Full PDB file with SEQRES, HELIX, SHEET, SSBOND, CRYST1, ORIGX, SCALE, CONECT and MASTER records, all heavy atoms in Angstrom:
SEQRES   1 A   37  PHE CYS SER LEU ALA VAL LEU MET GLN VAL CYS SER ASN          
SEQRES   2 A   37  LEU GLU VAL ASP ALA GLU GLU ASP PRO GLN THR PRO GLY          
SEQRES   3 A   37  ARG SER CYS ALA ASN TRP MET GLY GLY ALA PRO                  
HELIX    1 AA1 CYS A    2  GLU A   20  1                                  19    
HELIX    2 AA2 CYS A   29  MET A   33  1                                   5    
SSBOND   1 CYS A   11    CYS A   29                          1555   1555  2.00  
CRYST1    1.000    1.000    1.000  90.00  90.00  90.00 P 1           1          
ORIGX1      1.000000  0.000000  0.000000        0.00000                         
ORIGX2      0.000000  1.000000  0.000000        0.00000                         
ORIGX3      0.000000  0.000000  1.000000        0.00000                         
SCALE1      1.000000  0.000000  0.000000        0.00000                         
SCALE2      0.000000  1.000000  0.000000        0.00000                         
SCALE3      0.000000  0.000000  1.000000        0.00000                         
ATOM      1  N   PHE A   1     -77.712-104.330 -56.559  1.00  0.00           N  
ATOM      2  CA  PHE A   1     -76.678-105.323 -56.264  1.00  0.00           C  
ATOM      3  C   PHE A   1     -76.606-105.568 -54.771  1.00  0.00           C  
ATOM      4  O   PHE A   1     -76.499-106.705 -54.308  1.00  0.00           O  
ATOM      5  CB  PHE A   1     -75.340-104.824 -56.836  1.00  0.00           C  
ATOM      6  CG  PHE A   1     -74.207-105.752 -56.566  1.00  0.00           C  
ATOM      7  CD1 PHE A   1     -74.052-106.925 -57.280  1.00  0.00           C  
ATOM      8  CD2 PHE A   1     -73.304-105.462 -55.532  1.00  0.00           C  
ATOM      9  CE1 PHE A   1     -73.015-107.764 -56.981  1.00  0.00           C  
ATOM     10  CE2 PHE A   1     -72.267-106.310 -55.266  1.00  0.00           C  
ATOM     11  CZ  PHE A   1     -72.118-107.478 -55.993  1.00  0.00           C  
ATOM     12  N   CYS A   2     -76.680-104.483 -53.988  1.00  0.00           N  
ATOM     13  CA  CYS A   2     -76.611-104.623 -52.532  1.00  0.00           C  
ATOM     14  C   CYS A   2     -77.824-105.349 -52.007  1.00  0.00           C  
ATOM     15  O   CYS A   2     -77.728-106.207 -51.116  1.00  0.00           O  
ATOM     16  CB  CYS A   2     -76.520-103.227 -51.877  1.00  0.00           C  
ATOM     17  SG  CYS A   2     -74.913-102.379 -52.177  1.00  0.00           S  
ATOM     18  N   SER A   3     -79.008-105.058 -52.600  1.00  0.00           N  
ATOM     19  CA  SER A   3     -80.238-105.745 -52.168  1.00  0.00           C  
ATOM     20  C   SER A   3     -80.140-107.231 -52.467  1.00  0.00           C  
ATOM     21  O   SER A   3     -80.553-108.065 -51.653  1.00  0.00           O  
ATOM     22  CB  SER A   3     -81.446-105.137 -52.884  1.00  0.00           C  
ATOM     23  OG  SER A   3     -81.598-103.780 -52.521  1.00  0.00           O  
ATOM     24  N   LEU A   4     -79.588-107.565 -53.582  1.00  0.00           N  
ATOM     25  CA  LEU A   4     -79.468-108.983 -53.950  1.00  0.00           C  
ATOM     26  C   LEU A   4     -78.502-109.697 -53.049  1.00  0.00           C  
ATOM     27  O   LEU A   4     -78.732-110.832 -52.620  1.00  0.00           O  
ATOM     28  CB  LEU A   4     -79.014-109.108 -55.424  1.00  0.00           C  
ATOM     29  CG  LEU A   4     -78.846-110.534 -55.962  1.00  0.00           C  
ATOM     30  CD1 LEU A   4     -80.187-111.274 -55.873  1.00  0.00           C  
ATOM     31  CD2 LEU A   4     -78.366-110.471 -57.418  1.00  0.00           C  
ATOM     32  N   ALA A   5     -77.451-109.042 -52.652  1.00  0.00           N  
ATOM     33  CA  ALA A   5     -76.465-109.653 -51.763  1.00  0.00           C  
ATOM     34  C   ALA A   5     -77.067-109.932 -50.425  1.00  0.00           C  
ATOM     35  O   ALA A   5     -76.850-110.980 -49.794  1.00  0.00           O  
ATOM     36  CB  ALA A   5     -75.235-108.727 -51.651  1.00  0.00           C  
ATOM     37  N   VAL A   6     -77.859-108.988 -49.895  1.00  0.00           N  
ATOM     38  CA  VAL A   6     -78.501-109.169 -48.597  1.00  0.00           C  
ATOM     39  C   VAL A   6     -79.480-110.330 -48.678  1.00  0.00           C  
ATOM     40  O   VAL A   6     -79.567-111.160 -47.767  1.00  0.00           O  
ATOM     41  CB  VAL A   6     -79.214-107.860 -48.175  1.00  0.00           C  
ATOM     42  CG1 VAL A   6     -80.050-108.056 -46.912  1.00  0.00           C  
ATOM     43  CG2 VAL A   6     -78.202-106.782 -47.924  1.00  0.00           C  
ATOM     44  N   LEU A   7     -80.237-110.373 -49.759  1.00  0.00           N  
ATOM     45  CA  LEU A   7     -81.233-111.426 -49.901  1.00  0.00           C  
ATOM     46  C   LEU A   7     -80.583-112.791 -49.932  1.00  0.00           C  
ATOM     47  O   LEU A   7     -81.070-113.753 -49.310  1.00  0.00           O  
ATOM     48  CB  LEU A   7     -82.033-111.183 -51.191  1.00  0.00           C  
ATOM     49  CG  LEU A   7     -83.149-112.195 -51.462  1.00  0.00           C  
ATOM     50  CD1 LEU A   7     -84.170-112.231 -50.305  1.00  0.00           C  
ATOM     51  CD2 LEU A   7     -83.855-111.834 -52.791  1.00  0.00           C  
ATOM     52  N   MET A   8     -79.454-112.913 -50.621  1.00  0.00           N  
ATOM     53  CA  MET A   8     -78.766-114.187 -50.697  1.00  0.00           C  
ATOM     54  C   MET A   8     -78.234-114.574 -49.340  1.00  0.00           C  
ATOM     55  O   MET A   8     -78.244-115.762 -48.967  1.00  0.00           O  
ATOM     56  CB  MET A   8     -77.606-114.075 -51.693  1.00  0.00           C  
ATOM     57  CG  MET A   8     -78.073-113.958 -53.142  1.00  0.00           C  
ATOM     58  SD  MET A   8     -76.687-113.811 -54.279  1.00  0.00           S  
ATOM     59  CE  MET A   8     -75.936-115.382 -54.034  1.00  0.00           C  
ATOM     60  N   GLN A   9     -77.795-113.659 -48.522  1.00  0.00           N  
ATOM     61  CA  GLN A   9     -77.287-113.964 -47.186  1.00  0.00           C  
ATOM     62  C   GLN A   9     -78.421-114.465 -46.322  1.00  0.00           C  
ATOM     63  O   GLN A   9     -78.271-115.420 -45.553  1.00  0.00           O  
ATOM     64  CB  GLN A   9     -76.651-112.708 -46.600  1.00  0.00           C  
ATOM     65  CG  GLN A   9     -76.045-112.924 -45.226  1.00  0.00           C  
ATOM     66  CD  GLN A   9     -74.868-113.882 -45.247  1.00  0.00           C  
ATOM     67  OE1 GLN A   9     -74.049-113.791 -46.152  1.00  0.00           O  
ATOM     68  NE2 GLN A   9     -74.760-114.743 -44.220  1.00  0.00           N  
ATOM     69  N   VAL A  10     -79.575-113.864 -46.483  1.00  0.00           N  
ATOM     70  CA  VAL A  10     -80.730-114.274 -45.668  1.00  0.00           C  
ATOM     71  C   VAL A  10     -81.135-115.690 -46.037  1.00  0.00           C  
ATOM     72  O   VAL A  10     -81.423-116.526 -45.174  1.00  0.00           O  
ATOM     73  CB  VAL A  10     -81.887-113.287 -45.871  1.00  0.00           C  
ATOM     74  CG1 VAL A  10     -83.158-113.798 -45.197  1.00  0.00           C  
ATOM     75  CG2 VAL A  10     -81.532-111.923 -45.298  1.00  0.00           C  
ATOM     76  N   CYS A  11     -81.143-115.966 -47.304  1.00  0.00           N  
ATOM     77  CA  CYS A  11     -81.552-117.331 -47.740  1.00  0.00           C  
ATOM     78  C   CYS A  11     -80.571-118.346 -47.249  1.00  0.00           C  
ATOM     79  O   CYS A  11     -80.939-119.443 -46.857  1.00  0.00           O  
ATOM     80  CB  CYS A  11     -81.637-117.366 -49.286  1.00  0.00           C  
ATOM     81  SG  CYS A  11     -83.039-116.482 -49.926  1.00  0.00           S  
ATOM     82  N   SER A  12     -79.334-117.985 -47.222  1.00  0.00           N  
ATOM     83  CA  SER A  12     -78.324-118.928 -46.754  1.00  0.00           C  
ATOM     84  C   SER A  12     -78.504-119.244 -45.297  1.00  0.00           C  
ATOM     85  O   SER A  12     -78.405-120.392 -44.861  1.00  0.00           O  
ATOM     86  CB  SER A  12     -76.936-118.330 -47.033  1.00  0.00           C  
ATOM     87  OG  SER A  12     -75.934-119.183 -46.500  1.00  0.00           O  
ATOM     88  N   ASN A  13     -78.834-118.218 -44.512  1.00  0.00           N  
ATOM     89  CA  ASN A  13     -79.065-118.447 -43.088  1.00  0.00           C  
ATOM     90  C   ASN A  13     -80.285-119.313 -42.876  1.00  0.00           C  
ATOM     91  O   ASN A  13     -80.323-120.185 -41.989  1.00  0.00           O  
ATOM     92  CB  ASN A  13     -79.225-117.116 -42.378  1.00  0.00           C  
ATOM     93  CG  ASN A  13     -77.903-116.309 -42.367  1.00  0.00           C  
ATOM     94  OD1 ASN A  13     -76.807-116.888 -42.420  1.00  0.00           O  
ATOM     95  ND2 ASN A  13     -77.992-114.976 -42.235  1.00  0.00           N  
ATOM     96  N   LEU A  14     -81.313-119.100 -43.624  1.00  0.00           N  
ATOM     97  CA  LEU A  14     -82.546-119.896 -43.477  1.00  0.00           C  
ATOM     98  C   LEU A  14     -82.296-121.361 -43.813  1.00  0.00           C  
ATOM     99  O   LEU A  14     -82.833-122.267 -43.172  1.00  0.00           O  
ATOM    100  CB  LEU A  14     -83.653-119.313 -44.385  1.00  0.00           C  
ATOM    101  CG  LEU A  14     -84.240-117.967 -43.941  1.00  0.00           C  
ATOM    102  CD1 LEU A  14     -85.235-117.450 -44.970  1.00  0.00           C  
ATOM    103  CD2 LEU A  14     -84.902-118.040 -42.556  1.00  0.00           C  
ATOM    104  N   GLU A  15     -81.471-121.640 -44.806  1.00  0.00           N  
ATOM    105  CA  GLU A  15     -81.205-123.043 -45.185  1.00  0.00           C  
ATOM    106  C   GLU A  15     -80.419-123.732 -44.112  1.00  0.00           C  
ATOM    107  O   GLU A  15     -80.628-124.911 -43.818  1.00  0.00           O  
ATOM    108  CB  GLU A  15     -80.452-123.083 -46.513  1.00  0.00           C  
ATOM    109  CG  GLU A  15     -81.327-122.707 -47.679  1.00  0.00           C  
ATOM    110  CD  GLU A  15     -80.548-122.686 -48.991  1.00  0.00           C  
ATOM    111  OE1 GLU A  15     -79.317-122.896 -48.945  1.00  0.00           O  
ATOM    112  OE2 GLU A  15     -81.163-122.481 -50.049  1.00  0.00           O  
ATOM    113  N   VAL A  16     -79.505-122.963 -43.436  1.00  0.00           N  
ATOM    114  CA  VAL A  16     -78.740-123.566 -42.328  1.00  0.00           C  
ATOM    115  C   VAL A  16     -79.667-123.919 -41.199  1.00  0.00           C  
ATOM    116  O   VAL A  16     -79.585-124.995 -40.599  1.00  0.00           O  
ATOM    117  CB  VAL A  16     -77.629-122.599 -41.874  1.00  0.00           C  
ATOM    118  CG1 VAL A  16     -76.960-123.095 -40.585  1.00  0.00           C  
ATOM    119  CG2 VAL A  16     -76.616-122.410 -42.964  1.00  0.00           C  
ATOM    120  N   ASP A  17     -80.605-123.055 -40.901  1.00  0.00           N  
ATOM    121  CA  ASP A  17     -81.558-123.341 -39.827  1.00  0.00           C  
ATOM    122  C   ASP A  17     -82.429-124.532 -40.190  1.00  0.00           C  
ATOM    123  O   ASP A  17     -82.784-125.335 -39.324  1.00  0.00           O  
ATOM    124  CB  ASP A  17     -82.447-122.094 -39.590  1.00  0.00           C  
ATOM    125  CG  ASP A  17     -81.637-120.926 -38.986  1.00  0.00           C  
ATOM    126  OD1 ASP A  17     -80.539-121.213 -38.451  1.00  0.00           O  
ATOM    127  OD2 ASP A  17     -82.103-119.787 -39.114  1.00  0.00           O  
ATOM    128  N   ALA A  18     -82.780-124.622 -41.440  1.00  0.00           N  
ATOM    129  CA  ALA A  18     -83.639-125.747 -41.835  1.00  0.00           C  
ATOM    130  C   ALA A  18     -82.930-127.052 -41.665  1.00  0.00           C  
ATOM    131  O   ALA A  18     -83.523-128.062 -41.326  1.00  0.00           O  
ATOM    132  CB  ALA A  18     -84.096-125.540 -43.285  1.00  0.00           C  
ATOM    133  N   GLU A  19     -81.638-127.103 -41.917  1.00  0.00           N  
ATOM    134  CA  GLU A  19     -80.894-128.348 -41.739  1.00  0.00           C  
ATOM    135  C   GLU A  19     -80.816-128.706 -40.280  1.00  0.00           C  
ATOM    136  O   GLU A  19     -80.854-129.875 -39.904  1.00  0.00           O  
ATOM    137  CB  GLU A  19     -79.492-128.197 -42.333  1.00  0.00           C  
ATOM    138  CG  GLU A  19     -79.501-128.102 -43.838  1.00  0.00           C  
ATOM    139  CD  GLU A  19     -78.097-127.880 -44.389  1.00  0.00           C  
ATOM    140  OE1 GLU A  19     -77.165-127.757 -43.576  1.00  0.00           O  
ATOM    141  OE2 GLU A  19     -77.953-127.836 -45.640  1.00  0.00           O  
ATOM    142  N   GLU A  20     -80.680-127.691 -39.426  1.00  0.00           N  
ATOM    143  CA  GLU A  20     -80.586-127.961 -38.004  1.00  0.00           C  
ATOM    144  C   GLU A  20     -81.937-128.314 -37.443  1.00  0.00           C  
ATOM    145  O   GLU A  20     -82.027-129.138 -36.511  1.00  0.00           O  
ATOM    146  CB  GLU A  20     -80.040-126.724 -37.280  1.00  0.00           C  
ATOM    147  CG  GLU A  20     -78.585-126.425 -37.636  1.00  0.00           C  
ATOM    148  CD  GLU A  20     -78.067-125.157 -36.963  1.00  0.00           C  
ATOM    149  OE1 GLU A  20     -78.882-124.465 -36.287  1.00  0.00           O  
ATOM    150  OE2 GLU A  20     -76.880-124.863 -37.121  1.00  0.00           O  
ATOM    151  N   ASP A  21     -83.034-127.765 -37.947  1.00  0.00           N  
ATOM    152  CA  ASP A  21     -84.370-128.071 -37.452  1.00  0.00           C  
ATOM    153  C   ASP A  21     -85.259-128.389 -38.622  1.00  0.00           C  
ATOM    154  O   ASP A  21     -85.955-127.549 -39.162  1.00  0.00           O  
ATOM    155  CB  ASP A  21     -84.916-126.855 -36.699  1.00  0.00           C  
ATOM    156  CG  ASP A  21     -86.233-127.177 -35.991  1.00  0.00           C  
ATOM    157  OD1 ASP A  21     -86.616-128.398 -36.014  1.00  0.00           O  
ATOM    158  OD2 ASP A  21     -86.852-126.248 -35.463  1.00  0.00           O  
ATOM    159  N   PRO A  22     -85.228-129.696 -39.031  1.00  0.00           N  
ATOM    160  CA  PRO A  22     -86.037-130.063 -40.202  1.00  0.00           C  
ATOM    161  C   PRO A  22     -87.516-130.023 -39.951  1.00  0.00           C  
ATOM    162  O   PRO A  22     -88.321-130.104 -40.855  1.00  0.00           O  
ATOM    163  CB  PRO A  22     -85.564-131.487 -40.536  1.00  0.00           C  
ATOM    164  CG  PRO A  22     -84.993-132.022 -39.277  1.00  0.00           C  
ATOM    165  CD  PRO A  22     -84.440-130.840 -38.513  1.00  0.00           C  
ATOM    166  N   GLN A  23     -88.012-129.933 -38.708  1.00  0.00           N  
ATOM    167  CA  GLN A  23     -89.430-129.894 -38.411  1.00  0.00           C  
ATOM    168  C   GLN A  23     -90.052-128.567 -38.732  1.00  0.00           C  
ATOM    169  O   GLN A  23     -91.274-128.426 -38.749  1.00  0.00           O  
ATOM    170  CB  GLN A  23     -89.671-130.225 -36.923  1.00  0.00           C  
ATOM    171  CG  GLN A  23     -89.139-131.590 -36.498  1.00  0.00           C  
ATOM    172  CD  GLN A  23     -89.855-132.698 -37.227  1.00  0.00           C  
ATOM    173  OE1 GLN A  23     -91.059-132.576 -37.474  1.00  0.00           O  
ATOM    174  NE2 GLN A  23     -89.091-133.750 -37.544  1.00  0.00           N  
ATOM    175  N   THR A  24     -89.208-127.581 -38.918  1.00  0.00           N  
ATOM    176  CA  THR A  24     -89.762-126.259 -39.153  1.00  0.00           C  
ATOM    177  C   THR A  24     -90.009-126.074 -40.603  1.00  0.00           C  
ATOM    178  O   THR A  24     -89.078-126.036 -41.412  1.00  0.00           O  
ATOM    179  CB  THR A  24     -88.776-125.175 -38.673  1.00  0.00           C  
ATOM    180  OG1 THR A  24     -88.470-125.414 -37.303  1.00  0.00           O  
ATOM    181  CG2 THR A  24     -89.380-123.781 -38.829  1.00  0.00           C  
ATOM    182  N   PRO A  25     -91.298-126.037 -41.031  1.00  0.00           N  
ATOM    183  CA  PRO A  25     -91.624-125.935 -42.447  1.00  0.00           C  
ATOM    184  C   PRO A  25     -91.569-124.493 -42.948  1.00  0.00           C  
ATOM    185  O   PRO A  25     -91.703-123.548 -42.176  1.00  0.00           O  
ATOM    186  CB  PRO A  25     -93.054-126.456 -42.509  1.00  0.00           C  
ATOM    187  CG  PRO A  25     -93.646-126.106 -41.186  1.00  0.00           C  
ATOM    188  CD  PRO A  25     -92.546-126.159 -40.175  1.00  0.00           C  
ATOM    189  N   GLY A  26     -91.381-124.423 -44.208  1.00  0.00           N  
ATOM    190  CA  GLY A  26     -91.549-123.145 -44.896  1.00  0.00           C  
ATOM    191  C   GLY A  26     -90.516-122.149 -44.615  1.00  0.00           C  
ATOM    192  O   GLY A  26     -90.744-120.964 -44.819  1.00  0.00           O  
ATOM    193  N   ARG A  27     -89.251-122.556 -44.098  1.00  0.00           N  
ATOM    194  CA  ARG A  27     -88.263-121.555 -43.782  1.00  0.00           C  
ATOM    195  C   ARG A  27     -87.171-121.514 -44.813  1.00  0.00           C  
ATOM    196  O   ARG A  27     -86.287-120.703 -44.712  1.00  0.00           O  
ATOM    197  CB  ARG A  27     -87.666-121.842 -42.385  1.00  0.00           C  
ATOM    198  CG  ARG A  27     -88.705-121.736 -41.287  1.00  0.00           C  
ATOM    199  CD  ARG A  27     -88.044-121.969 -39.938  1.00  0.00           C  
ATOM    200  NE  ARG A  27     -87.026-120.949 -39.683  1.00  0.00           N  
ATOM    201  CZ  ARG A  27     -86.280-120.955 -38.591  1.00  0.00           C  
ATOM    202  NH1 ARG A  27     -86.375-121.916 -37.691  1.00  0.00           N  
ATOM    203  NH2 ARG A  27     -85.380-119.993 -38.403  1.00  0.00           N  
ATOM    204  N   SER A  28     -87.225-122.434 -45.825  1.00  0.00           N  
ATOM    205  CA  SER A  28     -86.161-122.393 -46.835  1.00  0.00           C  
ATOM    206  C   SER A  28     -86.408-121.260 -47.794  1.00  0.00           C  
ATOM    207  O   SER A  28     -87.530-120.811 -47.984  1.00  0.00           O  
ATOM    208  CB  SER A  28     -86.094-123.713 -47.616  1.00  0.00           C  
ATOM    209  OG  SER A  28     -87.268-123.867 -48.347  1.00  0.00           O  
ATOM    210  N   CYS A  29     -85.273-120.869 -48.392  1.00  0.00           N  
ATOM    211  CA  CYS A  29     -85.373-119.783 -49.366  1.00  0.00           C  
ATOM    212  C   CYS A  29     -86.155-120.216 -50.589  1.00  0.00           C  
ATOM    213  O   CYS A  29     -86.872-119.438 -51.162  1.00  0.00           O  
ATOM    214  CB  CYS A  29     -83.948-119.346 -49.778  1.00  0.00           C  
ATOM    215  SG  CYS A  29     -83.895-117.965 -50.957  1.00  0.00           S  
ATOM    216  N   ALA A  30     -86.022-121.526 -50.902  1.00  0.00           N  
ATOM    217  CA  ALA A  30     -86.752-122.011 -52.083  1.00  0.00           C  
ATOM    218  C   ALA A  30     -88.222-121.916 -51.854  1.00  0.00           C  
ATOM    219  O   ALA A  30     -88.983-121.511 -52.728  1.00  0.00           O  
ATOM    220  CB  ALA A  30     -86.328-123.441 -52.409  1.00  0.00           C  
ATOM    221  N   ASN A  31     -88.633-122.312 -50.574  1.00  0.00           N  
ATOM    222  CA  ASN A  31     -90.057-122.233 -50.304  1.00  0.00           C  
ATOM    223  C   ASN A  31     -90.511-120.788 -50.217  1.00  0.00           C  
ATOM    224  O   ASN A  31     -91.617-120.418 -50.619  1.00  0.00           O  
ATOM    225  CB  ASN A  31     -90.383-122.940 -49.009  1.00  0.00           C  
ATOM    226  CG  ASN A  31     -90.192-124.469 -49.141  1.00  0.00           C  
ATOM    227  OD1 ASN A  31     -90.303-124.972 -50.240  1.00  0.00           O  
ATOM    228  ND2 ASN A  31     -89.919-125.120 -48.014  1.00  0.00           N  
ATOM    229  N   TRP A  32     -89.671-120.012 -49.714  1.00  0.00           N  
ATOM    230  CA  TRP A  32     -90.042-118.611 -49.534  1.00  0.00           C  
ATOM    231  C   TRP A  32     -90.135-117.903 -50.851  1.00  0.00           C  
ATOM    232  O   TRP A  32     -90.988-117.064 -51.043  1.00  0.00           O  
ATOM    233  CB  TRP A  32     -88.970-117.952 -48.628  1.00  0.00           C  
ATOM    234  CG  TRP A  32     -89.231-116.490 -48.424  1.00  0.00           C  
ATOM    235  CD1 TRP A  32     -90.201-115.896 -47.676  1.00  0.00           C  
ATOM    236  CD2 TRP A  32     -88.475-115.461 -48.998  1.00  0.00           C  
ATOM    237  NE1 TRP A  32     -90.130-114.555 -47.708  1.00  0.00           N  
ATOM    238  CE2 TRP A  32     -89.033-114.242 -48.569  1.00  0.00           C  
ATOM    239  CE3 TRP A  32     -87.384-115.420 -49.849  1.00  0.00           C  
ATOM    240  CZ2 TRP A  32     -88.508-113.005 -48.921  1.00  0.00           C  
ATOM    241  CZ3 TRP A  32     -86.905-114.181 -50.178  1.00  0.00           C  
ATOM    242  CH2 TRP A  32     -87.466-112.987 -49.730  1.00  0.00           C  
ATOM    243  N   MET A  33     -89.232-118.362 -51.789  1.00  0.00           N  
ATOM    244  CA  MET A  33     -89.243-117.689 -53.084  1.00  0.00           C  
ATOM    245  C   MET A  33     -90.042-118.476 -54.123  1.00  0.00           C  
ATOM    246  O   MET A  33     -90.060-118.099 -55.254  1.00  0.00           O  
ATOM    247  CB  MET A  33     -87.802-117.540 -53.602  1.00  0.00           C  
ATOM    248  CG  MET A  33     -86.986-116.594 -52.735  1.00  0.00           C  
ATOM    249  SD  MET A  33     -85.319-116.404 -53.398  1.00  0.00           S  
ATOM    250  CE  MET A  33     -85.713-115.594 -54.915  1.00  0.00           C  
ATOM    251  N   GLY A  34     -90.690-119.599 -53.762  1.00  0.00           N  
ATOM    252  CA  GLY A  34     -91.397-120.450 -54.775  1.00  0.00           C  
ATOM    253  C   GLY A  34     -92.600-119.753 -55.351  1.00  0.00           C  
ATOM    254  O   GLY A  34     -93.372-119.155 -54.618  1.00  0.00           O  
ATOM    255  N   GLY A  35     -92.734-119.903 -56.692  1.00  0.00           N  
ATOM    256  CA  GLY A  35     -93.881-119.319 -57.350  1.00  0.00           C  
ATOM    257  C   GLY A  35     -94.932-120.390 -57.676  1.00  0.00           C  
ATOM    258  O   GLY A  35     -94.874-121.516 -57.204  1.00  0.00           O  
ATOM    259  N   ALA A  36     -95.867-120.062 -58.523  1.00  0.00           N  
ATOM    260  CA  ALA A  36     -96.926-121.007 -58.936  1.00  0.00           C  
ATOM    261  C   ALA A  36     -96.348-122.099 -59.854  1.00  0.00           C  
ATOM    262  O   ALA A  36     -95.438-121.826 -60.623  1.00  0.00           O  
ATOM    263  CB  ALA A  36     -98.021-120.221 -59.664  1.00  0.00           C  
ATOM    264  N   PRO A  37     -96.853-123.370 -59.794  1.00  0.00           N  
ATOM    265  CA  PRO A  37     -96.345-124.470 -60.658  1.00  0.00           C  
ATOM    266  C   PRO A  37     -96.509-124.119 -62.141  1.00  0.00           C  
ATOM    267  O   PRO A  37     -97.500-123.521 -62.542  1.00  0.00           O  
ATOM    268  CB  PRO A  37     -97.209-125.663 -60.279  1.00  0.00           C  
ATOM    269  CG  PRO A  37     -97.769-125.317 -58.913  1.00  0.00           C  
ATOM    270  CD  PRO A  37     -97.903-123.823 -58.863  1.00  0.00           C  
TER     271      PRO A  37                                                      
CONECT   81  215                                                                
CONECT  215   81                                                                
MASTER        0    0    0    2    0    0    0    6  270    1    2    3          
END                                                                             
């Protein structure tokens, strides 16, 4: 549970950064956690 909470906080921070700097690719949690199609 604690590991999941930390992970969610990290993803949230990454999404905020992505909104502030859209030129930076691959920093969203979705991209970081994306699997094969």
